Protein backbone atom coordinates (compact mmCIF):
# COMPACT_ATOMS: atom_id res chain seq x y z
CA UNK A 1 -27.09 30.81 45.78
CA UNK A 2 -30.26 32.86 46.62
CA UNK A 3 -28.81 36.14 44.49
CA UNK A 4 -28.22 33.63 41.94
CA UNK A 5 -32.08 32.24 42.19
CA UNK A 6 -33.04 36.13 42.67
CA UNK A 7 -31.39 36.84 39.34
CA UNK A 8 -32.54 33.44 37.36
CA UNK A 9 -36.23 34.76 38.81
CA UNK A 10 -35.90 38.20 37.25
CA UNK A 11 -34.37 37.23 34.00
CA UNK A 12 -36.90 34.39 33.46
CA UNK A 13 -39.68 37.71 33.90
CA UNK A 14 -37.28 39.55 32.01
CA UNK A 15 -38.00 36.96 29.15
CA UNK A 16 -41.13 36.29 29.24
CA UNK A 17 -42.36 39.86 29.09
CA UNK A 18 -40.70 40.58 26.12
CA UNK A 19 -41.74 37.41 24.67
CA UNK A 20 -44.97 38.88 25.78
CA UNK A 21 -44.89 42.13 24.04
CA UNK A 22 -43.10 40.54 21.12
CA UNK A 23 -46.26 38.69 20.02
CA UNK A 24 -48.96 41.99 21.27
CA UNK A 25 -46.94 44.10 19.24
CA UNK A 26 -46.40 41.38 16.24
CA UNK A 27 -50.28 40.25 16.61
CA UNK A 28 -52.18 43.43 18.18
CA UNK A 29 -49.49 46.67 17.98
CA UNK A 30 -48.80 46.85 14.47
CA UNK A 31 -49.49 50.17 12.65
CA UNK A 32 -50.91 48.15 9.49
CA UNK A 33 -53.30 46.60 11.92
CA UNK A 34 -54.89 49.68 13.68
CA UNK A 35 -54.94 51.26 10.57
CA UNK A 36 -57.60 48.37 8.56
CA UNK A 37 -59.14 48.10 11.92
CA UNK A 38 -60.35 51.63 11.36
CA UNK A 39 -60.59 51.00 7.73
CA UNK A 40 -63.36 48.56 8.89
CA UNK A 41 -65.21 51.17 10.61
CA UNK A 42 -65.67 52.71 7.66
CA UNK A 43 -67.28 49.95 5.48
CA UNK A 44 -70.88 48.79 6.09
CA UNK A 45 -71.79 46.44 8.22
CA UNK A 46 -71.82 43.70 5.52
CA UNK A 47 -68.71 44.58 4.34
CA UNK A 48 -66.59 45.31 7.52
CA UNK A 49 -68.12 41.34 8.89
CA UNK A 50 -66.30 40.08 5.23
CA UNK A 51 -63.17 41.79 6.13
CA UNK A 52 -60.14 40.59 7.38
CA UNK A 53 -57.75 42.03 9.40
CA UNK A 54 -54.81 40.59 7.54
CA UNK A 55 -51.20 41.71 6.27
CA UNK A 56 -52.41 41.90 2.77
CA UNK A 57 -49.28 41.59 -0.52
CA UNK A 58 -49.59 42.28 -4.61
CA UNK A 59 -46.93 39.47 -5.73
CA UNK A 60 -45.72 39.70 -9.44
CA UNK A 61 -42.88 36.92 -9.69
CA UNK A 62 -42.05 38.05 -13.32
CA UNK A 63 -41.16 41.47 -11.74
CA UNK A 64 -39.70 40.43 -8.81
CA UNK A 65 -42.04 41.67 -7.10
CA UNK A 66 -43.57 40.85 -3.39
CA UNK A 67 -45.08 44.78 -2.07
CA UNK A 68 -46.85 44.94 1.23
CA UNK A 69 -47.65 48.59 0.55
CA UNK A 70 -51.35 47.34 0.46
CA UNK A 71 -51.72 46.22 4.62
CA UNK A 72 -51.65 50.11 5.02
CA UNK A 73 -52.93 51.74 1.83
CA UNK A 74 -55.60 48.84 2.20
CA UNK A 75 -57.80 51.17 -0.49
CA UNK A 76 -55.44 50.08 -3.23
CA UNK A 77 -55.37 47.18 -2.36
CA UNK A 78 -57.10 44.73 -5.32
CA UNK A 79 -60.87 43.72 -4.26
CA UNK A 80 -60.94 46.93 -2.66
CA UNK A 81 -63.04 49.89 -3.50
CA UNK A 82 -60.87 53.01 -1.22
CA UNK A 83 -62.46 55.81 0.47
CA UNK A 84 -61.98 58.52 -1.57
CA UNK A 85 -60.36 61.49 -0.84
CA UNK A 86 -58.39 59.87 1.95
CA UNK A 87 -54.77 59.75 2.00
CA UNK A 88 -54.07 56.13 3.79
CA UNK A 89 -57.58 54.79 2.46
CA UNK A 90 -58.00 55.93 -0.80
CA UNK A 91 -57.58 54.34 -4.04
CA UNK A 92 -54.85 54.32 -5.96
CA UNK A 93 -55.36 57.82 -8.83
CA UNK A 94 -56.66 56.30 -12.24
CA UNK A 95 -53.58 55.24 -14.71
CA UNK A 96 -53.47 53.19 -17.58
CA UNK A 97 -52.32 49.94 -15.90
CA UNK A 98 -53.61 48.26 -13.37
CA UNK A 99 -51.43 49.15 -10.24
CA UNK A 100 -52.29 45.11 -9.04
CA UNK A 101 -49.88 44.11 -11.99
CA UNK A 102 -47.83 45.54 -11.29
CA UNK A 103 -47.27 46.23 -7.57
CA UNK A 104 -46.39 49.99 -5.98
CA UNK A 105 -42.18 50.22 -6.14
CA UNK A 106 -42.15 49.37 -9.92
CA UNK A 107 -43.10 52.93 -10.01
CA UNK A 108 -42.57 54.87 -6.06
CA UNK A 109 -39.95 52.62 -4.92
CA UNK A 110 -39.51 52.18 -1.41
CA UNK A 111 -38.68 48.58 0.51
CA UNK A 112 -42.12 46.50 -1.12
CA UNK A 113 -41.79 43.46 2.46
CA UNK A 114 -41.40 46.37 4.78
CA UNK A 115 -44.12 45.90 7.02
CA UNK A 116 -43.11 49.76 9.77
CA UNK A 117 -43.31 53.05 7.49
CA UNK A 118 -39.99 53.99 7.91
CA UNK A 119 -38.78 51.40 6.49
CA UNK A 120 -42.30 50.90 4.05
CA UNK A 121 -40.86 53.86 2.85
CA UNK A 122 -37.51 53.41 2.45
CA UNK A 123 -36.21 55.99 5.18
CA UNK A 124 -33.50 53.84 6.72
CA UNK A 125 -30.29 54.07 6.34
CA UNK A 126 -28.33 51.82 3.72
CA UNK A 127 -31.56 51.47 1.87
CA UNK A 128 -30.80 52.46 -2.05
CA UNK A 129 -33.96 52.78 -3.59
CA UNK A 130 -36.17 55.24 -0.56
CA UNK A 131 -39.56 56.05 -1.86
CA UNK A 132 -40.21 58.95 -4.19
CA UNK A 133 -41.24 62.41 -2.92
CA UNK A 134 -45.30 62.63 -3.12
CA UNK A 135 -44.50 65.72 -5.32
CA UNK A 136 -42.62 63.79 -7.27
CA UNK A 137 -44.60 60.76 -7.44
CA UNK A 138 -44.99 60.80 -11.90
CA UNK A 139 -41.08 60.07 -11.91
CA UNK A 140 -41.76 56.26 -11.64
CA UNK A 141 -42.94 56.44 -14.62
CA UNK A 142 -39.31 56.77 -15.82
CA UNK A 143 -38.38 53.05 -15.36
CA UNK A 144 -40.40 51.88 -18.02
CA UNK A 145 -40.93 55.22 -19.90
CA UNK A 146 -39.13 56.89 -22.62
CA UNK A 147 -41.41 59.84 -23.35
CA UNK A 148 -41.10 60.23 -27.29
CA UNK A 149 -41.16 63.90 -29.20
CA UNK A 150 -40.69 66.12 -26.50
CA UNK A 151 -41.65 69.24 -27.79
CA UNK A 152 -39.11 72.31 -26.54
CA UNK A 153 -40.50 74.17 -23.14
CA UNK A 154 -41.85 77.81 -24.90
CA UNK A 155 -43.65 75.59 -27.76
CA UNK A 156 -44.90 73.52 -24.77
CA UNK A 157 -45.75 76.43 -22.78
CA UNK A 158 -47.75 78.11 -26.23
CA UNK A 159 -49.91 75.28 -26.21
CA UNK A 160 -50.72 75.07 -22.81
CA UNK A 161 -51.64 78.82 -22.56
CA UNK A 162 -53.66 78.81 -25.97
CA UNK A 163 -54.97 75.04 -24.60
CA UNK A 164 -56.85 77.53 -21.75
CA UNK A 165 -58.11 80.41 -24.01
CA UNK A 166 -59.99 78.63 -26.64
CA UNK A 167 -62.07 77.71 -23.32
CA UNK A 168 -60.82 73.79 -23.68
CA UNK A 169 -61.12 73.39 -20.19
CA UNK A 170 -64.85 74.80 -20.27
CA UNK A 171 -66.02 71.39 -21.33
CA UNK A 172 -62.94 68.93 -20.87
CA UNK A 173 -60.77 67.65 -18.06
CA UNK A 174 -57.11 67.32 -17.79
CA UNK A 175 -54.69 66.74 -15.04
CA UNK A 176 -57.28 67.06 -12.48
CA UNK A 177 -58.98 71.03 -13.44
CA UNK A 178 -61.62 71.55 -16.04
CA UNK A 179 -64.65 69.50 -17.02
CA UNK A 180 -66.90 70.95 -14.51
CA UNK A 181 -70.26 72.21 -15.95
CA UNK A 182 -70.08 75.63 -15.29
CA UNK A 183 -73.15 77.74 -14.16
CA UNK A 184 -75.26 80.32 -16.34
CA UNK A 185 -74.51 77.82 -19.31
CA UNK A 186 -76.45 75.83 -21.84
CA UNK A 187 -73.21 73.28 -22.15
CA UNK A 188 -74.79 69.64 -20.98
CA UNK A 189 -72.47 67.23 -20.79
CA UNK A 190 -69.08 67.32 -20.74
CA UNK A 191 -66.35 65.66 -22.99
CA UNK A 192 -63.39 63.15 -22.15
CA UNK A 193 -60.66 63.93 -20.26
CA UNK A 194 -57.45 64.30 -21.94
CA UNK A 195 -54.69 63.58 -19.31
CA UNK A 196 -54.04 60.42 -21.11
CA UNK A 197 -54.39 62.21 -24.60
CA UNK A 198 -51.09 61.88 -26.46
CA UNK A 199 -50.94 57.97 -26.58
CA UNK A 200 -53.70 57.83 -28.55
CA UNK A 201 -52.74 61.04 -30.87
CA UNK A 202 -55.64 61.25 -32.79
CA UNK A 203 -54.43 63.68 -35.48
CA UNK A 204 -56.60 67.53 -36.17
CA UNK A 205 -60.16 65.35 -36.47
CA UNK A 206 -61.09 66.23 -33.15
CA UNK A 207 -60.77 69.73 -34.42
CA UNK A 208 -63.43 68.83 -38.01
CA UNK A 209 -65.36 66.76 -35.54
CA UNK A 210 -65.58 69.79 -33.28
CA UNK A 211 -65.99 72.43 -35.80
CA UNK A 212 -68.89 70.61 -37.78
CA UNK A 213 -70.58 70.30 -34.34
CA UNK A 214 -70.30 73.74 -33.87
CA UNK A 215 -71.25 74.94 -37.27
CA UNK A 216 -74.09 73.06 -38.52
CA UNK A 217 -74.85 70.06 -35.32
CA UNK A 218 -77.98 72.10 -34.58
CA UNK A 219 -77.04 72.21 -30.90
CA UNK A 220 -76.77 75.47 -28.81
CA UNK A 221 -74.16 73.94 -26.00
CA UNK A 222 -71.52 73.27 -29.25
CA UNK A 223 -72.39 76.56 -30.91
CA UNK A 224 -71.86 78.78 -28.13
CA UNK A 225 -69.28 76.90 -25.79
CA UNK A 226 -66.86 76.04 -29.72
CA UNK A 227 -65.36 79.08 -32.01
CA UNK A 228 -62.82 78.41 -34.73
CA UNK A 229 -59.47 77.39 -34.06
CA UNK A 230 -56.65 79.73 -35.84
CA UNK A 231 -54.41 77.20 -38.09
CA UNK A 232 -51.31 78.66 -36.07
CA UNK A 233 -53.26 78.48 -32.61
CA UNK A 234 -54.16 74.24 -33.41
CA UNK A 235 -51.46 73.11 -34.24
CA UNK A 236 -49.62 74.44 -31.20
CA UNK A 237 -53.24 73.06 -29.23
CA UNK A 238 -51.60 69.07 -31.06
CA UNK A 239 -48.41 69.76 -30.14
CA UNK A 240 -49.35 70.66 -26.19
CA UNK A 241 -51.57 68.02 -26.08
CA UNK A 242 -49.53 64.92 -28.25
CA UNK A 243 -47.77 65.85 -25.25
CA UNK A 244 -50.75 64.97 -22.34
CA UNK A 245 -49.48 61.37 -21.46
CA UNK A 246 -50.74 60.97 -18.25
CA UNK A 247 -47.83 61.86 -16.01
CA UNK A 248 -48.51 65.60 -14.90
CA UNK A 249 -45.01 67.64 -14.67
CA UNK A 250 -42.77 65.31 -15.64
CA UNK A 251 -43.12 66.50 -19.68
CA UNK A 252 -42.60 69.86 -18.41
CA UNK A 253 -39.31 68.66 -16.78
CA UNK A 254 -37.69 66.71 -19.58
CA UNK A 255 -38.67 69.85 -22.08
CA UNK A 256 -36.90 72.60 -19.67
CA UNK A 257 -33.99 69.96 -19.71
CA UNK A 258 -33.76 69.88 -22.97
CA UNK A 259 -34.70 73.27 -23.98
CA UNK A 260 -31.51 74.12 -20.81
CA UNK A 261 -29.05 72.38 -23.27
CA UNK A 262 -28.14 69.05 -20.90
CA UNK A 263 -27.79 67.20 -23.78
CA UNK A 264 -24.74 69.23 -24.85
CA UNK A 265 -22.58 68.47 -22.08
CA UNK A 266 -24.93 65.10 -20.80
CA UNK A 267 -25.94 62.06 -22.61
CA UNK A 268 -28.90 59.80 -21.87
CA UNK A 269 -30.07 57.32 -23.77
CA UNK A 270 -26.30 57.58 -25.82
CA UNK A 271 -27.85 60.31 -26.76
CA UNK A 272 -25.85 63.43 -26.04
CA UNK A 273 -22.62 65.14 -25.23
CA UNK A 274 -19.78 63.70 -23.07
CA UNK A 275 -18.37 66.02 -20.92
CA UNK A 276 -20.76 65.68 -18.07
CA UNK A 277 -21.44 62.27 -16.91
CA UNK A 278 -23.76 59.54 -18.16
CA UNK A 279 -27.42 60.24 -17.45
CA UNK A 280 -29.27 56.89 -18.32
CA UNK A 281 -30.10 55.92 -14.89
CA UNK A 282 -29.03 58.46 -13.02
CA UNK A 283 -32.67 58.51 -10.64
CA UNK A 284 -31.20 54.84 -9.74
CA UNK A 285 -28.71 56.54 -7.69
CA UNK A 286 -27.75 55.41 -4.23
CA UNK A 287 -28.38 57.87 -1.05
CA UNK A 288 -26.19 56.39 0.91
CA UNK A 289 -23.37 56.37 -1.43
CA UNK A 290 -23.51 60.05 -2.18
CA UNK A 291 -21.66 63.37 0.23
CA UNK A 292 -24.82 65.10 1.66
CA UNK A 293 -22.12 67.45 4.11
CA UNK A 294 -22.83 70.93 1.65
CA UNK A 295 -26.67 69.95 0.84
CA UNK A 296 -28.99 71.68 2.76
CA UNK A 297 -32.33 69.78 4.32
CA UNK A 298 -33.04 65.71 4.06
CA UNK A 299 -30.74 63.33 3.22
CA UNK A 300 -32.49 62.00 -0.47
CA UNK A 301 -31.77 62.06 -4.23
CA UNK A 302 -33.58 65.58 -4.52
CA UNK A 303 -32.52 67.74 -2.64
CA UNK A 304 -28.97 66.78 -3.56
CA UNK A 305 -29.93 66.75 -7.11
CA UNK A 306 -31.01 70.56 -6.86
CA UNK A 307 -28.24 71.48 -4.83
CA UNK A 308 -26.18 69.80 -7.30
CA UNK A 309 -28.05 72.14 -10.20
CA UNK A 310 -28.00 75.45 -7.94
CA UNK A 311 -24.29 75.10 -7.13
CA UNK A 312 -22.06 72.19 -8.72
CA UNK A 313 -18.85 72.28 -8.11
CA UNK A 314 -20.06 72.73 -4.65
CA UNK A 315 -21.55 69.73 -4.24
CA UNK A 316 -19.40 67.94 -6.98
CA UNK A 317 -15.90 69.40 -5.86
CA UNK A 318 -13.92 69.95 -9.15
CA UNK A 319 -17.02 69.94 -10.99
CA UNK A 320 -16.97 71.29 -14.48
CA UNK A 321 -20.50 71.66 -14.95
CA UNK A 322 -20.79 75.75 -14.90
CA UNK A 323 -24.19 77.21 -12.26
CA UNK A 324 -26.94 78.07 -14.76
CA UNK A 325 -28.11 80.23 -12.45
CA UNK A 326 -31.73 78.73 -12.72
CA UNK A 327 -34.73 80.32 -11.16
CA UNK A 328 -36.34 77.36 -7.96
CA UNK A 329 -39.06 75.96 -10.07
CA UNK A 330 -37.10 74.74 -13.11
CA UNK A 331 -34.24 74.00 -10.21
CA UNK A 332 -37.69 71.66 -9.33
CA UNK A 333 -38.54 70.27 -12.81
CA UNK A 334 -35.56 69.11 -14.00
CA UNK A 335 -35.30 67.42 -10.07
CA UNK A 336 -38.53 65.86 -11.22
CA UNK A 337 -37.26 64.85 -14.90
CA UNK A 338 -33.63 63.35 -12.92
CA UNK A 339 -35.69 61.43 -10.36
CA UNK A 340 -37.33 59.49 -13.49
CA UNK A 341 -34.15 58.47 -15.09
CA UNK A 342 -34.01 54.87 -14.26
CA UNK A 343 -35.04 52.26 -17.09
CA UNK A 344 -34.11 49.61 -14.69
CA UNK A 345 -33.93 46.16 -16.40
CA UNK A 346 -37.57 44.33 -16.86
CA UNK A 347 -38.90 41.39 -18.98
CA UNK A 348 -39.58 42.74 -22.64
CA UNK A 349 -42.63 42.02 -22.75
CA UNK A 350 -43.23 44.49 -19.89
CA UNK A 351 -41.86 47.38 -22.02
CA UNK A 352 -43.84 49.69 -23.44
CA UNK A 353 -43.50 51.33 -27.31
CA UNK A 354 -41.75 54.89 -26.41
CA UNK A 355 -39.50 52.56 -25.09
CA UNK A 356 -39.02 50.09 -27.61
CA UNK A 357 -38.97 53.14 -30.37
CA UNK A 358 -36.75 54.55 -28.99
CA UNK A 359 -33.89 51.80 -27.92
CA UNK A 360 -35.04 49.60 -30.67
CA UNK A 361 -35.78 52.11 -33.62
CA UNK A 362 -33.42 55.47 -32.54
CA UNK A 363 -36.42 57.82 -32.64
CA UNK A 364 -35.89 61.06 -30.84
CA UNK A 365 -37.20 62.00 -27.39
CA UNK A 366 -37.34 65.54 -28.69
CA UNK A 367 -38.81 67.03 -31.52
CA UNK A 368 -37.12 67.44 -34.14
CA UNK A 369 -37.16 71.07 -35.50
CA UNK A 370 -34.60 73.60 -35.45
CA UNK A 371 -35.78 75.27 -32.54
CA UNK A 372 -35.81 72.49 -30.13
CA UNK A 373 -32.89 70.57 -31.53
CA UNK A 374 -30.66 74.14 -31.44
CA UNK A 375 -32.46 73.87 -27.46
CA UNK A 376 -31.33 70.92 -27.12
CA UNK A 377 -28.05 70.70 -27.82
CA UNK A 378 -26.76 73.92 -27.90
CA UNK A 379 -28.71 76.65 -25.75
CA UNK A 380 -26.30 76.18 -22.94
CA UNK A 381 -23.18 76.96 -24.87
CA UNK A 382 -24.27 79.76 -26.37
CA UNK A 383 -27.64 80.96 -25.25
CA UNK A 384 -31.49 80.77 -25.74
CA UNK A 385 -31.22 83.63 -28.85
CA UNK A 386 -27.53 83.05 -29.42
CA UNK A 387 -26.45 85.58 -27.49
CA UNK A 388 -22.95 83.67 -26.01
CA UNK A 389 -22.99 82.50 -22.25
CA UNK A 390 -20.39 83.32 -19.25
CA UNK A 391 -20.62 81.85 -16.69
CA UNK A 392 -18.45 82.43 -13.26
CA UNK A 393 -15.12 80.88 -13.60
CA UNK A 394 -15.14 79.77 -17.32
CA UNK A 395 -14.70 81.51 -20.83
CA UNK A 396 -17.37 83.54 -22.31
CA UNK A 397 -18.69 81.02 -25.07
CA UNK A 398 -19.17 82.68 -28.80
CA UNK A 399 -22.31 84.47 -29.62
CA UNK A 400 -23.71 83.09 -32.85
CA UNK A 401 -27.01 85.05 -32.65
CA UNK A 402 -26.13 88.19 -33.43
CA UNK A 403 -25.68 90.52 -36.62
CA UNK A 404 -21.73 90.75 -36.37
CA UNK A 405 -21.62 87.13 -37.05
CA UNK A 406 -24.30 86.05 -39.26
CA UNK A 407 -23.67 88.70 -41.54
CA UNK A 408 -20.24 87.17 -42.64
CA UNK A 409 -20.81 83.32 -41.63
CA UNK A 410 -21.93 81.14 -44.61
CA UNK A 411 -24.84 78.47 -44.12
CA UNK A 412 -21.24 75.91 -44.78
CA UNK A 413 -19.53 77.81 -41.84
CA UNK A 414 -21.66 76.87 -39.11
CA UNK A 415 -22.68 73.66 -40.83
CA UNK A 416 -19.16 72.74 -41.13
CA UNK A 417 -19.16 73.89 -37.35
CA UNK A 418 -21.99 72.00 -35.45
CA UNK A 419 -20.23 68.50 -38.03
CA UNK A 420 -16.99 68.84 -36.69
CA UNK A 421 -17.18 70.99 -33.78
CA UNK A 422 -13.73 72.36 -32.18
CA UNK A 423 -11.15 69.38 -31.50
CA UNK A 424 -10.08 70.75 -28.03
CA UNK A 425 -12.90 72.75 -26.49
CA UNK A 426 -15.91 72.33 -25.44
CA UNK A 427 -17.63 72.31 -28.64
CA UNK A 428 -18.52 68.79 -29.64
CA UNK A 429 -18.02 67.05 -33.10
CA UNK A 430 -22.43 66.34 -33.41
CA UNK A 431 -21.85 65.30 -36.87
CA UNK A 432 -19.41 62.58 -36.39
CA UNK A 433 -19.29 61.17 -33.08
CA UNK A 434 -22.35 58.02 -32.01
CA UNK A 435 -25.32 60.60 -30.25
CA UNK A 436 -24.50 63.16 -31.83
CA UNK A 437 -26.85 64.75 -35.09
CA UNK A 438 -27.92 63.38 -37.58
CA UNK A 439 -27.57 65.34 -41.37
CA UNK A 440 -30.69 66.54 -41.46
CA UNK A 441 -30.96 67.83 -38.36
CA UNK A 442 -28.15 69.41 -38.68
CA UNK A 443 -29.63 71.18 -41.44
CA UNK A 444 -32.41 72.07 -38.78
CA UNK A 445 -29.73 73.33 -36.64
CA UNK A 446 -28.11 75.87 -39.09
CA UNK A 447 -31.69 76.85 -40.59
CA UNK A 448 -32.13 77.95 -36.77
CA UNK A 449 -29.14 79.95 -35.88
CA UNK A 450 -30.18 81.66 -39.24
CA UNK A 451 -33.37 82.63 -37.78
CA UNK A 452 -32.11 84.35 -35.01
CA UNK A 453 -31.07 87.23 -37.46
CA UNK A 454 -34.38 87.65 -37.87
CA UNK A 455 -33.80 88.45 -42.06
CA UNK A 456 -30.75 88.45 -42.20
CA UNK A 457 -29.81 86.38 -45.88
CA UNK A 458 -26.74 84.08 -45.72
CA UNK A 459 -23.41 85.29 -46.88
CA UNK A 460 -21.68 83.52 -50.01
CA UNK A 461 -19.44 81.13 -50.03
CA UNK A 462 -15.95 83.58 -50.24
CA UNK A 463 -12.81 81.54 -51.67
CA UNK A 464 -10.88 80.45 -48.25
CA UNK A 465 -7.73 81.84 -49.21
CA UNK A 466 -7.20 85.75 -50.57
CA UNK A 467 -4.75 87.42 -47.99
CA UNK A 468 -1.80 88.57 -49.21
CA UNK A 469 -0.62 89.64 -45.65
CA UNK A 470 2.86 89.70 -44.13
CA UNK A 471 2.99 87.27 -41.45
CA UNK A 472 5.63 89.02 -39.26
CA UNK A 473 3.79 92.40 -39.32
CA UNK A 474 1.32 90.45 -38.35
CA UNK A 475 2.77 88.13 -35.32
CA UNK A 476 3.46 92.05 -33.70
CA UNK A 477 -0.07 92.93 -34.20
CA UNK A 478 -1.33 90.54 -32.55
CA UNK A 479 0.41 89.87 -29.92
CA UNK A 480 -0.37 93.49 -29.08
CA UNK A 481 -4.13 93.58 -29.72
CA UNK A 482 -5.15 89.61 -29.57
CA UNK A 483 -2.53 87.64 -27.76
CA UNK A 484 -4.52 88.94 -24.42
CA UNK A 485 -7.77 87.59 -25.55
CA UNK A 486 -7.20 84.80 -27.68
CA UNK A 487 -3.44 83.75 -26.05
CA UNK A 488 -0.01 84.09 -27.41
CA UNK A 489 -0.30 80.48 -29.72
CA UNK A 490 -3.68 81.15 -30.87
CA UNK A 491 -4.64 78.53 -27.61
CA UNK A 492 -7.98 80.54 -26.14
CA UNK A 493 -9.08 82.22 -23.14
CA UNK A 494 -11.07 85.06 -23.28
CA UNK A 495 -11.80 84.46 -26.39
CA UNK A 496 -11.39 81.36 -29.02
CA UNK A 497 -8.73 79.35 -30.08
CA UNK A 498 -7.55 80.70 -33.15
CA UNK A 499 -4.91 78.09 -33.60
CA UNK A 500 -7.67 75.16 -33.81
CA UNK A 501 -7.27 73.06 -36.62
CA UNK A 502 -11.35 73.19 -37.53
CA UNK A 503 -11.78 76.37 -37.84
CA UNK A 504 -8.68 77.25 -39.79
CA UNK A 505 -9.91 74.74 -42.31
CA UNK A 506 -12.94 75.72 -42.16
CA UNK A 507 -13.21 79.70 -42.09
CA UNK A 508 -12.25 81.66 -44.89
CA UNK A 509 -9.93 85.17 -44.97
CA UNK A 510 -13.20 87.00 -45.91
CA UNK A 511 -14.68 85.68 -42.50
CA UNK A 512 -11.43 86.77 -40.18
CA UNK A 513 -11.42 89.84 -42.43
CA UNK A 514 -14.44 90.61 -41.53
CA UNK A 515 -14.54 89.38 -37.01
CA UNK A 516 -11.08 91.48 -36.73
CA UNK A 517 -12.58 94.95 -38.84
CA UNK A 518 -16.38 94.26 -36.78
CA UNK A 519 -15.33 92.58 -33.90
CA UNK A 520 -19.03 90.40 -31.90
CA UNK A 521 -21.65 92.66 -30.21
CA UNK A 522 -22.32 91.85 -27.13
CA UNK A 523 -18.24 90.34 -26.44
CA UNK A 524 -15.68 91.39 -24.74
CA UNK A 525 -14.56 91.25 -28.85
CA UNK A 526 -13.62 94.92 -29.95
CA UNK A 527 -14.18 96.29 -34.36
CA UNK A 528 -10.91 96.98 -34.63
CA UNK A 529 -11.86 98.54 -38.05
CA UNK A 530 -13.70 101.69 -36.24
CA UNK A 531 -11.26 103.67 -34.17
CA UNK A 532 -11.88 103.66 -30.06
CA UNK A 533 -10.27 104.74 -27.14
CA UNK A 534 -9.37 101.41 -25.75
CA UNK A 535 -7.62 100.26 -29.09
CA UNK A 536 -5.59 101.01 -32.23
CA UNK A 537 -7.51 101.62 -35.35
CA UNK A 538 -6.30 98.69 -37.60
CA UNK A 539 -6.02 99.43 -41.29
CA UNK A 540 -6.43 97.43 -44.59
CA UNK A 541 -3.12 95.96 -44.67
CA UNK A 542 -2.64 95.26 -41.07
CA UNK A 543 -5.54 93.21 -40.79
CA UNK A 544 -4.70 91.34 -43.33
CA UNK A 545 -1.41 90.93 -41.77
CA UNK A 546 -3.00 88.91 -39.13
CA UNK A 547 -5.40 86.87 -40.78
CA UNK A 548 -2.15 86.30 -42.74
CA UNK A 549 0.28 85.41 -39.28
CA UNK A 550 -3.29 83.43 -38.17
CA UNK A 551 -2.88 80.95 -41.32
CA UNK A 552 0.55 80.07 -40.26
CA UNK A 553 -1.03 77.39 -37.44
CA UNK A 554 -2.70 75.99 -40.19
CA UNK A 555 -2.16 72.20 -39.83
CA UNK A 556 -0.47 71.65 -43.91
CA UNK A 557 -2.34 68.71 -45.35
């Protein structure tokens, strides 16, 4: 009995202590309470007297948001001015939207109702939407926005370089840089911040105004700080400024994604290829459902994306994606863009104009000039300069920007190849599929491919059939000289598939003959019309016989 009483006493005391500790922790020991008390110490005496230490939250019923993040980040709470420069107490960065009208987790991720740091940031097991890394915070814009007409990366970089070269940062701020008056100059004021220039995009009227002010405005500051800009430079600067949407780094990541040809295999918003998974909502992947056994560093989505880009088959066994061999900086930029691909379903009144224009009116997220379209859909396989690509473990992709191709391939042949693709191969029929290229865009791609030849004129269309060789002789010569690369039955291997129905229907005999005779520079395809120590020289009759044999694979109409 005595032992039972002692046990009861000890358990009662333990329970009281536990309840006391829980009460203290809840009412005095919570981290957010310490943070708010420290914040109050930075306030003026009257403001501190009115400041109440309490749980704070932003509630947006229409978005299903209840976020208590402002219990710690007090400076971002409605009605608070914050302490500039402080990472915890500071006000929210200037953005177009009022954060109080959207909450925090809509853009940044995390667990809005949590009141402890690890839980609030989503760094706990099984929480599917951890907070975005600080360096990728602007990826949250992709939850709602679908930025339009993003140029290719080279064009974007050229515009940025010219913007700085023409000293625009002297007067204007852009994404945290510039806009400060310089010593030993006569400038008396700064211009507007251009970080959010893109959605306004007033055309080139700003240049006419600037030029007028500098020429006959009579202001010495204008005359010394602004000079005429050549037309080509002005167009590049205008393209760059039109891409400034208040999300530093995000547009560059999107431009790099497109310039790397990723849409050739992956669709986003129903536009792109289908060799790889659809990436429209890849930023919403649940880290808890991913295999991190081959991923270095912390178990988060950023590291998984980065490692997958470095070595796709190592992270996802049997992946058909080749390793692109990108530098680390480029991997970081594409990872940034991947994190932005969310587009969570919200009520229509919250949809921005860019998303409406893409999803309801079919506007493009990329510019539709030939260079941008080629970079977006073609460059991953054919190379940024058309010299072809070869990835470890994969057959080579054809070179289409070299003289040996452009001098013998007519525009009609290139156009039909883009439109109809190569059935059974990795080349899609871009003109005959949903999410492919529109007729005007195909013409722009053909024009760009032709421009890779730097002045080479397109050959005239040749009659489709004109050889009169001996197909049986051609079979023997083909097996002797061609089969090791193109396959005994023309199915392809080191070289392209020659038995492909679309190739045989669209390629003229002249094109096939010239390819055999000249070969393809920069590839393993030799020219059989020139003497060599590695293969036999073929005469015209023998080459025609090979073409006649290849024609045997053509499917009768």
